[in-house]
N, C-alpha and C. Protein backbone atom coordinates (compact mmCIF):
# COMPACT_ATOMS: atom_id res chain seq x y z
N MET A 1 62.61 -217.46 -3.61
CA MET A 1 62.66 -216.86 -2.39
C MET A 1 62.78 -215.84 -2.60
N GLN A 2 62.26 -214.70 -1.75
CA GLN A 2 62.41 -213.56 -1.86
C GLN A 2 62.87 -212.77 -0.33
N LEU A 3 63.95 -212.05 -0.66
CA LEU A 3 64.34 -211.38 0.94
C LEU A 3 64.28 -209.60 0.41
N TYR A 4 64.56 -209.05 2.01
CA TYR A 4 64.46 -207.72 1.46
C TYR A 4 65.31 -206.98 2.59
N ALA A 5 65.93 -205.85 1.86
CA ALA A 5 67.36 -205.18 2.43
C ALA A 5 66.70 -203.55 1.79
N LEU A 6 67.79 -202.80 2.57
CA LEU A 6 67.48 -201.72 2.62
C LEU A 6 68.49 -200.70 1.60
N LYS A 7 68.73 -199.92 0.91
CA LYS A 7 69.71 -199.13 0.05
C LYS A 7 69.50 -197.98 0.09
N SER A 8 70.74 -197.25 -0.05
CA SER A 8 70.61 -196.32 -0.32
C SER A 8 71.84 -195.42 -1.18
N GLU A 9 71.92 -193.95 -1.96
CA GLU A 9 73.16 -193.84 -2.72
C GLU A 9 74.24 -194.53 -2.62
N GLN A 10 74.65 -194.25 -1.14
CA GLN A 10 75.99 -195.01 -0.68
C GLN A 10 76.07 -196.37 -0.58
N GLY A 11 75.24 -197.38 -0.47
CA GLY A 11 75.03 -198.71 -0.37
C GLY A 11 73.94 -199.08 0.36
N TYR A 12 74.36 -200.49 0.70
CA TYR A 12 73.77 -201.55 1.22
C TYR A 12 73.26 -201.04 3.13
N LEU A 13 72.51 -201.13 3.55
CA LEU A 13 72.48 -201.25 5.04
C LEU A 13 72.74 -202.27 5.57
N LYS A 14 73.82 -202.51 6.71
CA LYS A 14 73.91 -203.38 7.81
C LYS A 14 73.65 -203.03 9.11
N ALA A 15 73.06 -203.74 9.55
CA ALA A 15 72.80 -203.49 11.18
C ALA A 15 73.84 -203.41 12.13
N ASP A 16 74.17 -202.48 12.99
CA ASP A 16 75.52 -202.44 13.59
C ASP A 16 74.69 -202.09 14.98
N LYS A 17 75.12 -202.55 16.15
CA LYS A 17 74.99 -202.48 17.32
C LYS A 17 75.31 -201.27 17.90
N LYS A 18 76.47 -200.53 17.62
CA LYS A 18 76.97 -199.67 18.05
C LYS A 18 76.45 -198.40 17.33
N ASP A 19 76.68 -198.06 15.90
CA ASP A 19 76.12 -197.27 15.34
C ASP A 19 74.59 -197.29 14.52
N GLY A 20 73.88 -198.35 14.69
CA GLY A 20 72.56 -198.48 14.25
C GLY A 20 72.82 -198.99 13.21
N TYR A 21 73.83 -198.73 12.00
CA TYR A 21 74.19 -199.37 10.64
C TYR A 21 75.23 -198.83 10.23
N GLN A 22 75.84 -199.65 9.13
CA GLN A 22 76.86 -199.29 8.24
C GLN A 22 76.24 -199.34 6.81
N LEU A 23 77.18 -198.92 6.01
CA LEU A 23 76.96 -199.01 4.51
C LEU A 23 77.96 -199.85 3.72
N VAL A 24 77.57 -200.77 3.17
CA VAL A 24 78.20 -201.66 2.66
C VAL A 24 78.02 -202.50 1.26
N ASN A 25 78.35 -202.96 0.61
CA ASN A 25 78.22 -203.45 -0.46
C ASN A 25 77.16 -204.80 -0.12
N LEU A 26 76.53 -205.18 -1.09
CA LEU A 26 75.49 -206.39 -1.25
C LEU A 26 75.85 -207.50 -0.05
N ASN A 27 76.78 -208.36 -0.50
CA ASN A 27 77.14 -209.08 0.09
C ASN A 27 77.34 -209.06 1.41
N LYS A 28 77.34 -207.89 2.21
CA LYS A 28 77.19 -207.67 3.15
C LYS A 28 76.09 -207.20 3.88
N ALA A 29 75.50 -206.70 3.50
CA ALA A 29 73.80 -205.93 3.64
C ALA A 29 73.11 -207.12 4.90
N SER A 30 72.39 -206.34 5.66
CA SER A 30 71.68 -207.26 6.35
C SER A 30 70.06 -207.45 5.59
N VAL A 31 69.82 -208.84 5.60
CA VAL A 31 68.89 -208.96 4.80
C VAL A 31 67.63 -209.59 5.76
N PHE A 32 66.34 -209.68 5.24
CA PHE A 32 65.10 -209.69 6.26
C PHE A 32 64.08 -210.63 5.67
N SER A 33 63.69 -211.65 6.10
CA SER A 33 62.39 -212.28 5.03
C SER A 33 61.02 -211.79 5.25
N SER A 34 60.95 -210.55 5.75
CA SER A 34 59.70 -209.97 5.55
C SER A 34 59.87 -208.71 5.73
N GLN A 35 59.37 -207.86 5.04
CA GLN A 35 59.33 -206.39 4.64
C GLN A 35 58.65 -205.86 5.58
N HIS A 36 57.99 -206.47 6.77
CA HIS A 36 57.40 -206.07 7.93
C HIS A 36 58.01 -206.52 9.11
N SER A 37 59.19 -206.74 9.10
CA SER A 37 60.33 -207.27 10.06
C SER A 37 60.44 -206.08 10.94
N LYS A 38 60.32 -206.55 12.10
CA LYS A 38 60.65 -205.35 13.58
C LYS A 38 62.13 -204.76 12.90
N LYS A 39 62.73 -205.70 13.12
CA LYS A 39 64.43 -204.84 12.93
C LYS A 39 64.70 -204.29 11.55
N LEU A 40 63.86 -204.73 10.75
CA LEU A 40 64.25 -203.98 9.06
C LEU A 40 63.39 -202.41 9.25
N ILE A 41 62.16 -202.35 10.15
CA ILE A 41 61.75 -201.43 10.28
C ILE A 41 62.60 -200.34 11.00
N GLU A 42 63.07 -200.83 11.89
CA GLU A 42 63.76 -200.08 13.03
C GLU A 42 64.94 -199.63 12.24
N LEU A 43 65.83 -200.41 11.58
CA LEU A 43 67.02 -199.79 10.95
C LEU A 43 66.40 -198.82 9.65
N GLN A 44 65.19 -199.21 9.19
CA GLN A 44 64.62 -198.13 8.33
C GLN A 44 64.32 -196.67 9.06
N GLU A 45 64.04 -196.68 10.21
CA GLU A 45 63.91 -195.40 10.69
C GLU A 45 64.90 -194.62 11.10
N LYS A 46 66.02 -195.52 11.54
CA LYS A 46 67.06 -194.71 11.97
C LYS A 46 67.72 -194.11 10.56
N ALA A 47 67.85 -194.65 9.54
CA ALA A 47 68.13 -194.18 8.49
C ALA A 47 67.60 -193.12 8.04
N LYS A 48 66.28 -193.20 8.11
CA LYS A 48 65.46 -191.89 7.56
C LYS A 48 65.64 -190.81 8.49
N HIS A 49 65.89 -191.22 9.75
CA HIS A 49 66.38 -189.78 10.95
C HIS A 49 67.49 -189.13 10.75
N ASP A 50 68.57 -189.98 10.15
CA ASP A 50 69.78 -189.51 9.56
C ASP A 50 69.64 -189.16 8.19
N LYS A 51 68.55 -188.88 7.33
CA LYS A 51 68.38 -188.63 6.24
C LYS A 51 69.05 -188.80 5.17
N LEU A 52 69.41 -190.33 5.30
CA LEU A 52 70.15 -190.90 4.24
C LEU A 52 69.62 -190.88 3.05
N ALA A 53 70.48 -190.28 1.75
CA ALA A 53 69.97 -190.33 0.41
C ALA A 53 69.47 -191.34 -0.23
N ASN A 54 68.40 -191.07 -0.77
CA ASN A 54 67.65 -191.93 -1.65
C ASN A 54 67.35 -193.38 -0.82
N LEU A 55 66.92 -193.20 0.00
CA LEU A 55 66.65 -194.66 0.62
C LEU A 55 65.35 -195.55 0.33
N ARG A 56 65.79 -196.71 0.18
CA ARG A 56 64.44 -197.38 -0.54
C ARG A 56 64.44 -198.80 0.10
N LEU A 57 63.78 -199.54 0.06
CA LEU A 57 63.26 -201.16 0.60
C LEU A 57 63.56 -201.85 -1.15
N VAL A 58 64.27 -202.65 -0.83
CA VAL A 58 64.68 -203.27 -2.14
C VAL A 58 64.51 -204.89 -1.77
N GLU A 59 63.85 -205.47 -2.82
CA GLU A 59 63.31 -206.96 -2.64
C GLU A 59 64.30 -207.70 -3.61
N LEU A 60 64.84 -208.63 -2.92
CA LEU A 60 66.08 -209.59 -3.69
C LEU A 60 65.50 -210.98 -3.52
N GLU A 61 65.78 -211.70 -5.05
CA GLU A 61 65.08 -212.81 -5.35
C GLU A 61 66.48 -213.94 -5.42
N ILE A 62 66.11 -215.12 -4.91
CA ILE A 62 67.11 -216.10 -4.95
C ILE A 62 66.18 -217.04 -5.54
N ARG A 63 67.16 -217.30 -6.61
CA ARG A 63 67.09 -218.63 -7.38
C ARG A 63 67.86 -220.01 -7.10
N GLU A 64 67.59 -221.21 -6.95
CA GLU A 64 68.50 -222.51 -7.12
C GLU A 64 68.41 -222.53 -8.27
N LYS A 65 69.59 -222.88 -9.02
CA LYS A 65 69.72 -223.91 -10.14
C LYS A 65 70.96 -224.50 -10.39
N GLU A 66 70.62 -225.75 -10.67
CA GLU A 66 71.78 -226.69 -10.93
C GLU A 66 72.57 -226.41 -12.33
N LEU A 67 73.90 -226.62 -11.87
CA LEU A 67 74.71 -226.43 -12.71
C LEU A 67 75.80 -227.70 -13.36
């Protein structure tokens, strides 16, 4: 399974109703099932407008493995 998130030099982005986003660790990041998600694109545009350093879209892969 692939999920998508936005990452900058300062951390991952988490959508926030008040400020647009927060910078957080991976375990708190907003993740999306599609890289074409409307909310992901809106979050990316806000971060670009704020000139967030080294902003990039990352693909996260989740695998299930029995232990």
